[in-house]
N, C-alpha and C. Protein backbone atom coordinates (compact mmCIF):
# COMPACT_ATOMS: atom_id res chain seq x y z
N UNK A 1 78.49 110.74 87.56
CA UNK A 1 79.75 109.87 87.86
C UNK A 1 79.32 109.13 88.70
N UNK A 2 79.13 107.55 87.83
CA UNK A 2 79.02 106.18 88.93
C UNK A 2 80.07 105.11 88.56
N UNK A 3 80.33 104.37 89.89
CA UNK A 3 81.16 103.54 89.91
C UNK A 3 80.41 102.23 89.52
N UNK A 4 81.10 101.57 88.52
CA UNK A 4 80.49 100.02 87.99
C UNK A 4 80.63 99.09 89.15
N UNK A 5 80.51 97.91 88.41
CA UNK A 5 80.50 96.94 89.44
C UNK A 5 82.29 95.88 88.95
N UNK A 6 82.60 96.61 87.94
CA UNK A 6 84.29 96.77 87.71
C UNK A 6 84.71 97.30 89.21
N UNK A 7 84.55 98.78 89.40
CA UNK A 7 85.37 99.00 90.68
C UNK A 7 84.88 99.19 91.87
N UNK A 8 83.80 98.12 92.17
CA UNK A 8 83.61 97.91 93.12
C UNK A 8 83.44 96.78 93.54
N UNK A 9 83.38 95.48 92.45
CA UNK A 9 83.54 94.28 93.00
C UNK A 9 85.17 94.26 92.92
N UNK A 10 86.15 95.09 92.27
CA UNK A 10 87.40 95.21 92.24
C UNK A 10 88.07 95.46 93.43
N UNK A 11 87.42 97.02 94.10
CA UNK A 11 87.86 97.27 95.20
C UNK A 11 87.52 96.09 96.63
N UNK A 12 85.99 95.35 96.55
CA UNK A 12 86.11 94.63 97.61
C UNK A 12 86.77 93.18 97.38
N UNK A 13 87.58 93.01 95.99
CA UNK A 13 88.59 92.07 96.06
C UNK A 13 89.84 92.43 96.55
N UNK A 14 90.21 93.52 95.95
CA UNK A 14 91.68 93.78 96.71
C UNK A 14 91.67 94.35 98.37
N UNK A 15 90.04 94.41 98.89
CA UNK A 15 90.14 94.22 100.51
C UNK A 15 90.52 92.78 101.09
N UNK A 16 89.93 92.07 100.35
CA UNK A 16 89.94 90.54 100.39
C UNK A 16 91.21 90.16 100.31
N UNK A 17 92.04 90.40 99.38
CA UNK A 17 93.48 90.45 99.63
C UNK A 17 94.00 90.55 100.39
N UNK A 18 93.81 91.70 100.55
CA UNK A 18 94.48 92.64 102.00
C UNK A 18 94.48 92.34 103.15
N UNK A 19 92.80 91.56 103.19
CA UNK A 19 92.72 90.90 104.40
C UNK A 19 93.15 89.30 104.99
N UNK A 20 94.01 88.98 103.65
CA UNK A 20 94.14 87.34 103.85
C UNK A 20 96.03 87.46 103.07
N UNK A 21 96.65 88.57 102.91
CA UNK A 21 97.76 88.98 102.61
C UNK A 21 98.96 87.92 103.87
N UNK A 22 98.62 87.74 104.74
CA UNK A 22 99.66 87.05 105.71
C UNK A 22 99.72 85.36 105.13
N UNK A 23 98.38 85.03 104.54
CA UNK A 23 98.89 83.31 104.30
C UNK A 23 99.24 83.55 102.88
N UNK A 24 99.96 84.68 102.29
CA UNK A 24 100.55 84.17 100.82
C UNK A 24 99.67 84.24 99.84
N UNK A 25 99.66 83.52 98.60
CA UNK A 25 99.19 83.54 97.40
C UNK A 25 97.77 83.46 97.73
N UNK A 26 96.67 83.86 96.95
CA UNK A 26 95.20 83.81 97.22
C UNK A 26 95.00 83.63 96.12
N UNK A 27 94.54 82.51 95.88
CA UNK A 27 93.70 81.92 94.42
C UNK A 27 92.08 82.69 94.44
N UNK A 28 91.67 82.70 93.13
CA UNK A 28 90.87 83.70 92.75
C UNK A 28 89.29 83.40 93.27
N UNK A 29 89.61 82.00 93.05
CA UNK A 29 88.30 81.00 93.46
C UNK A 29 88.14 81.42 94.86
N UNK A 30 89.02 81.59 95.47
CA UNK A 30 88.76 81.60 97.73
C UNK A 30 88.06 83.01 97.59
N UNK A 31 88.51 84.26 96.96
CA UNK A 31 88.01 85.68 97.13
C UNK A 31 86.78 85.14 96.51
N UNK A 32 86.46 84.60 95.33
CA UNK A 32 85.25 84.65 94.51
C UNK A 32 84.38 84.41 95.50
N UNK A 33 84.05 82.92 96.34
CA UNK A 33 84.20 82.42 97.41
C UNK A 33 83.40 83.53 98.85
N UNK A 34 84.56 83.95 98.93
CA UNK A 34 83.92 85.33 99.98
C UNK A 34 83.66 86.55 99.60
N UNK A 35 83.82 86.75 98.41
CA UNK A 35 82.88 88.02 98.10
C UNK A 35 81.70 87.90 97.21
N UNK A 36 81.14 86.27 96.83
CA UNK A 36 80.31 86.18 96.16
C UNK A 36 80.56 86.72 94.87
N UNK A 37 81.45 86.78 94.14
CA UNK A 37 81.73 86.94 92.69
C UNK A 37 82.22 86.04 91.98
N UNK A 38 81.58 86.47 90.86
CA UNK A 38 81.76 85.08 89.53
C UNK A 38 83.88 84.95 89.79
N UNK A 39 84.00 83.96 89.55
CA UNK A 39 85.52 83.58 89.48
C UNK A 39 85.79 84.26 87.57
N UNK A 40 84.98 83.64 87.30
CA UNK A 40 85.52 84.59 85.53
C UNK A 40 85.95 86.01 85.52
N UNK A 41 84.60 86.42 86.52
CA UNK A 41 85.08 88.23 86.13
C UNK A 41 85.79 88.69 87.22
N UNK A 42 86.56 88.25 88.28
CA UNK A 42 87.24 88.54 88.52
C UNK A 42 88.48 87.99 88.08
N UNK A 43 88.50 87.30 87.37
CA UNK A 43 89.91 86.90 86.28
C UNK A 43 90.08 88.55 85.65
N UNK A 44 89.06 88.56 84.87
CA UNK A 44 89.13 90.01 83.89
C UNK A 44 89.72 91.27 84.66
N UNK A 45 88.95 91.23 86.37
CA UNK A 45 89.38 92.21 87.07
C UNK A 45 90.68 91.91 87.15
N UNK A 46 91.23 91.00 87.68
CA UNK A 46 92.91 90.58 87.90
C UNK A 46 93.91 90.70 87.10
N UNK A 47 93.25 90.66 85.71
CA UNK A 47 94.18 91.10 84.43
C UNK A 47 94.48 92.61 84.24
N UNK A 48 93.10 93.59 84.89
CA UNK A 48 93.61 95.13 84.74
C UNK A 48 94.80 95.30 85.77
N UNK A 49 94.22 95.04 86.85
CA UNK A 49 94.99 95.22 88.56
C UNK A 49 96.12 94.74 87.81
N UNK A 50 96.80 93.73 87.66
CA UNK A 50 98.24 93.27 87.27
C UNK A 50 98.69 93.98 86.43
N UNK A 51 97.95 94.06 85.00
CA UNK A 51 98.60 95.02 84.26
C UNK A 51 99.14 96.54 84.68
N UNK A 52 98.47 96.41 85.64
CA UNK A 52 98.49 98.28 86.60
C UNK A 52 99.53 97.99 87.86
N UNK A 53 99.87 96.97 87.83
CA UNK A 53 100.97 96.83 88.68
C UNK A 53 100.71 96.67 89.80
N UNK A 54 99.53 96.64 90.66
CA UNK A 54 98.97 96.67 91.88
C UNK A 54 98.50 94.97 92.71
N UNK A 55 98.84 94.15 91.81
CA UNK A 55 99.04 92.54 92.11
C UNK A 55 99.89 92.05 90.76
N UNK A 56 100.41 90.73 91.77
CA UNK A 56 101.29 90.00 90.88
C UNK A 56 100.67 88.51 90.94
N UNK A 57 100.79 87.71 90.19
CA UNK A 57 100.06 86.24 90.13
C UNK A 57 101.27 85.29 90.22
N UNK A 58 101.08 84.66 91.10
CA UNK A 58 101.91 83.46 91.46
C UNK A 58 101.60 81.83 90.49
N UNK A 59 102.18 81.24 89.92
CA UNK A 59 101.97 80.38 89.13
C UNK A 59 101.82 78.48 90.01
N UNK A 60 101.28 77.65 89.87
CA UNK A 60 101.71 76.56 90.40
C UNK A 60 100.61 75.99 91.22
N UNK A 61 100.74 74.91 92.16
CA UNK A 61 100.29 74.92 92.75
C UNK A 61 99.17 75.45 94.12
N UNK A 62 100.51 76.07 94.93
CA UNK A 62 99.77 76.98 95.75
C UNK A 62 99.89 78.44 95.30
N UNK A 63 99.27 78.55 94.05
CA UNK A 63 99.46 80.16 93.22
C UNK A 63 98.58 80.18 93.55
N UNK A 64 98.48 82.20 93.19
CA UNK A 64 97.26 82.79 93.67
C UNK A 64 97.50 84.62 93.27
N UNK A 65 97.16 85.23 93.81
CA UNK A 65 97.63 86.82 94.15
C UNK A 65 97.77 87.29 95.20
N UNK A 66 99.02 87.89 95.09
CA UNK A 66 99.32 89.04 95.87
C UNK A 66 99.53 90.31 95.58
N UNK A 67 99.77 91.21 96.44
CA UNK A 67 99.57 92.27 96.56
C UNK A 67 101.00 92.46 96.19
N UNK A 68 101.06 93.50 95.63
CA UNK A 68 102.45 94.00 94.52
C UNK A 68 103.30 95.36 95.44
N UNK A 69 102.60 96.12 96.16
CA UNK A 69 102.93 97.15 96.94
C UNK A 69 102.28 96.53 98.60
N UNK A 70 103.04 97.30 99.47
CA UNK A 70 102.26 97.23 100.75
C UNK A 70 100.67 97.84 100.47
N UNK A 71 100.11 97.55 101.36
CA UNK A 71 98.68 98.10 101.03
C UNK A 71 98.46 99.80 101.52
N UNK A 72 99.80 99.97 102.75
CA UNK A 72 99.81 101.39 102.71
C UNK A 72 99.93 102.22 101.57
N UNK A 73 100.44 101.94 100.68
CA UNK A 73 101.00 102.52 99.42
C UNK A 73 99.78 102.48 98.60
N UNK A 74 99.00 101.50 98.44
CA UNK A 74 97.95 101.21 97.74
C UNK A 74 96.56 102.04 97.81
N UNK A 75 96.12 103.33 96.92
CA UNK A 75 95.16 104.13 97.03
C UNK A 75 94.02 103.39 96.35
N UNK A 76 92.29 103.85 97.13
CA UNK A 76 91.58 103.66 96.20
C UNK A 76 91.19 104.30 94.82
N UNK A 77 92.26 105.06 94.72
CA UNK A 77 92.10 106.02 93.15
C UNK A 77 93.01 104.80 92.64
N UNK A 78 94.14 104.36 92.70
CA UNK A 78 94.85 103.61 92.11
C UNK A 78 94.00 102.30 91.67
N UNK A 79 93.25 101.77 92.31
CA UNK A 79 92.62 100.71 91.99
C UNK A 79 91.28 101.08 91.02
N UNK A 80 90.49 102.11 91.46
CA UNK A 80 89.41 102.87 90.63
C UNK A 80 90.10 102.62 88.67
N UNK A 81 91.28 103.31 89.11
CA UNK A 81 91.28 103.98 88.00
C UNK A 81 92.08 102.71 87.03
N UNK A 82 92.67 102.15 88.08
CA UNK A 82 93.30 101.03 86.87
C UNK A 82 91.99 99.68 86.58
N UNK A 83 91.13 100.02 87.01
CA UNK A 83 89.99 99.52 86.33
C UNK A 83 88.28 99.85 85.96
N UNK A 84 88.60 101.46 86.36
CA UNK A 84 87.24 102.19 85.37
C UNK A 84 88.01 103.10 84.37
N UNK A 85 89.37 103.39 84.78
CA UNK A 85 89.69 104.44 83.93
C UNK A 85 89.68 105.60 84.12
N UNK A 86 90.02 107.05 84.02
CA UNK A 86 90.11 108.15 84.46
C UNK A 86 88.58 108.79 85.52
N UNK A 87 88.87 108.47 86.86
CA UNK A 87 87.39 109.33 87.51
C UNK A 87 87.43 110.69 87.18
N UNK A 88 86.49 110.81 86.45
CA UNK A 88 85.46 112.40 86.06
C UNK A 88 84.47 112.80 86.10
N UNK A 89 83.18 113.10 86.35
CA UNK A 89 82.27 113.81 86.72
C UNK A 89 81.38 114.17 85.48
N UNK A 90 82.46 114.12 84.34
CA UNK A 90 82.34 114.55 82.55
C UNK A 90 83.52 114.31 81.86
N UNK A 91 83.24 114.10 80.13
CA UNK A 91 84.33 114.38 79.85
C UNK A 91 85.26 115.10 79.24
N UNK A 92 84.71 116.20 79.13
CA UNK A 92 85.39 117.46 79.21
C UNK A 92 86.92 117.50 80.18
N UNK A 93 86.64 117.16 81.35
CA UNK A 93 87.69 117.41 82.10
C UNK A 93 88.83 115.83 82.59
N UNK A 94 88.92 115.55 81.10
CA UNK A 94 89.47 113.73 81.17
C UNK A 94 90.61 114.96 80.16
N UNK A 95 92.02 114.86 80.79
CA UNK A 95 93.07 115.44 79.92
C UNK A 95 93.09 116.35 79.47
N UNK A 96 92.89 117.21 79.48
CA UNK A 96 92.51 118.66 79.15
C UNK A 96 91.68 118.08 77.34
N UNK A 97 90.50 117.47 77.39
CA UNK A 97 89.51 116.71 76.44
C UNK A 97 89.08 118.43 76.03
N UNK A 98 89.12 118.43 74.65
CA UNK A 98 88.91 119.37 74.02
C UNK A 98 87.34 119.66 73.89
N UNK A 99 86.75 120.57 73.85
CA UNK A 99 85.27 120.71 74.04
C UNK A 99 84.79 121.68 73.48
N UNK A 100 83.91 121.57 72.50
CA UNK A 100 83.36 123.02 71.62
C UNK A 100 83.03 124.54 72.17
N UNK A 101 82.87 123.75 73.34
CA UNK A 101 82.47 125.07 74.43
C UNK A 101 83.16 125.71 75.68
N UNK A 102 84.48 125.01 75.83
CA UNK A 102 85.68 125.57 76.56
C UNK A 102 85.96 127.16 76.87
N UNK A 103 85.37 127.82 75.88
CA UNK A 103 85.74 129.18 76.08
C UNK A 103 84.66 129.88 76.62
N UNK A 104 83.67 129.12 76.57
CA UNK A 104 82.59 129.96 77.01
C UNK A 104 81.25 129.03 78.05
N UNK A 105 81.75 127.86 78.10
CA UNK A 105 81.56 126.82 78.99
C UNK A 105 81.67 127.17 80.56
N UNK A 106 80.43 127.36 81.48
CA UNK A 106 80.45 127.85 82.65
C UNK A 106 80.49 126.77 83.64
N UNK A 107 80.03 125.61 83.63
CA UNK A 107 80.56 124.44 83.86
C UNK A 107 81.63 123.95 83.87
N UNK A 108 82.36 123.53 83.56
CA UNK A 108 83.66 123.27 83.26
C UNK A 108 84.69 123.48 84.50
N UNK A 109 84.40 124.72 85.08
CA UNK A 109 85.21 125.22 86.02
C UNK A 109 84.90 123.95 87.72
N UNK A 110 83.55 123.75 87.64
CA UNK A 110 82.74 123.11 88.74
C UNK A 110 82.98 121.54 88.43
N UNK A 111 82.85 121.61 86.99
CA UNK A 111 83.69 119.54 86.89
C UNK A 111 85.01 119.52 87.56
N UNK A 112 85.68 120.58 86.92
CA UNK A 112 87.03 120.16 87.58
C UNK A 112 87.17 120.45 88.78
N UNK A 113 86.55 120.80 89.88
CA UNK A 113 86.28 120.95 90.94
C UNK A 113 86.14 119.43 91.23
N UNK A 114 84.90 119.51 91.09
CA UNK A 114 84.45 117.86 91.09
C UNK A 114 85.30 117.36 90.88
N UNK A 115 85.85 117.22 90.31
CA UNK A 115 87.36 115.47 90.04
C UNK A 115 88.41 116.44 90.82
N UNK A 116 88.70 116.99 90.93
CA UNK A 116 89.74 117.45 91.84
C UNK A 116 89.44 117.06 92.85
N UNK A 117 88.51 117.00 93.89
CA UNK A 117 87.87 116.66 95.40
C UNK A 117 87.90 115.37 94.88
N UNK A 118 87.24 114.30 93.85
CA UNK A 118 87.35 113.11 94.64
C UNK A 118 88.53 112.56 94.44
N UNK A 119 89.17 113.00 93.37
CA UNK A 119 90.99 112.39 93.78
C UNK A 119 91.32 112.60 94.99
N UNK A 120 91.00 113.47 95.30
CA UNK A 120 91.75 113.85 96.58
C UNK A 120 91.68 113.11 97.60
N UNK A 121 90.17 112.86 97.82
CA UNK A 121 89.71 111.67 98.23
C UNK A 121 90.35 110.58 98.45
N UNK A 122 89.79 110.08 97.03
CA UNK A 122 90.15 108.70 96.60
C UNK A 122 91.50 108.46 96.74
N UNK A 123 92.30 109.28 96.71
CA UNK A 123 93.95 108.83 97.36
C UNK A 123 94.42 108.80 98.80
N UNK A 124 93.10 110.25 99.47
CA UNK A 124 93.87 109.75 100.99
C UNK A 124 93.32 108.23 101.25
N UNK A 125 92.18 107.69 101.02
CA UNK A 125 91.88 106.41 101.35
C UNK A 125 92.94 105.18 100.96
N UNK A 126 93.58 104.54 101.90
CA UNK A 126 94.52 103.05 101.37
C UNK A 126 93.79 101.99 101.55
N UNK A 127 94.76 100.76 101.22
CA UNK A 127 94.01 99.79 101.09
C UNK A 127 94.21 99.36 102.44
N UNK A 128 95.19 99.87 103.39
CA UNK A 128 95.53 99.70 104.75
C UNK A 128 94.22 100.22 106.13
N UNK A 129 93.89 101.11 105.39
CA UNK A 129 92.55 101.97 106.37
C UNK A 129 91.38 101.17 106.10
N UNK A 130 91.17 100.56 104.86
CA UNK A 130 90.15 100.05 104.80
C UNK A 130 90.01 98.35 104.71
N UNK A 131 91.46 97.96 105.09
CA UNK A 131 91.16 96.41 105.82
C UNK A 131 90.90 96.56 107.62
N UNK A 132 91.72 97.47 107.82
CA UNK A 132 91.32 98.35 109.25
C UNK A 132 89.85 97.94 109.60
N UNK A 133 89.10 98.95 108.70
CA UNK A 133 87.62 98.93 108.73
C UNK A 133 86.86 97.69 108.56
N UNK A 134 87.88 96.90 107.79
CA UNK A 134 86.57 95.93 107.18
C UNK A 134 87.29 94.77 108.75
N UNK A 135 88.32 95.04 109.35
CA UNK A 135 88.75 94.12 110.46
C UNK A 135 87.74 94.97 111.56
N UNK A 136 87.58 95.63 111.93
CA UNK A 136 87.00 96.15 113.08
C UNK A 136 85.30 95.61 112.83
N UNK A 137 85.34 95.99 111.60
CA UNK A 137 83.36 95.15 111.15
C UNK A 137 83.76 93.68 111.49
N UNK A 138 84.26 93.54 111.37
CA UNK A 138 84.06 91.35 112.00
C UNK A 138 83.63 91.69 113.53
N UNK A 139 82.94 90.54 113.53
CA UNK A 139 82.44 90.28 115.27
C UNK A 139 81.43 91.14 115.54
N UNK A 140 80.84 92.20 114.41
CA UNK A 140 79.67 93.18 115.05
C UNK A 140 78.94 93.04 114.03
N UNK A 141 78.25 91.60 114.60
CA UNK A 141 76.88 91.14 114.14
C UNK A 141 75.71 91.45 115.07
N UNK A 142 74.55 92.17 114.42
CA UNK A 142 73.37 91.77 115.32
C UNK A 142 72.62 90.89 114.90
N UNK A 143 72.15 90.01 116.46
CA UNK A 143 71.37 89.23 115.65
C UNK A 143 70.07 89.07 116.26
N UNK A 144 69.14 88.74 115.37
CA UNK A 144 67.74 89.07 115.58
C UNK A 144 67.07 87.67 116.09
N UNK A 145 66.00 87.39 117.03
CA UNK A 145 65.18 86.26 117.27
C UNK A 145 64.27 86.44 116.86
């Protein structure tokens, strides 16, 4: 299983939104500049995040995006699932996907356990905790001369 740029960039953008949420609605242009991600790509990602109910858009001159829920209530699993779809190491564990080998497959149990561990971990990490990590890392630069 590999998280694509959709998931990685979307997670970074959501952390940026959480870090700057006290400012109000954040234009995608600003997130794109800070995160060095194409604004057009962010538009695609935020369309999915909005459909999933994780963000809301504000129109107008002061428009942009806001978190639709407190950062404490949004998990990494919510974000990755909104952008990537179900998180699974193998197709056979997504929504009881039928497999010709189900009755004889010795690896399906392994894949189910891997999926459960990934879900459990991603569900335990909130956007608020990532925001705190981001803020704690600010100012921790090492300068080489």
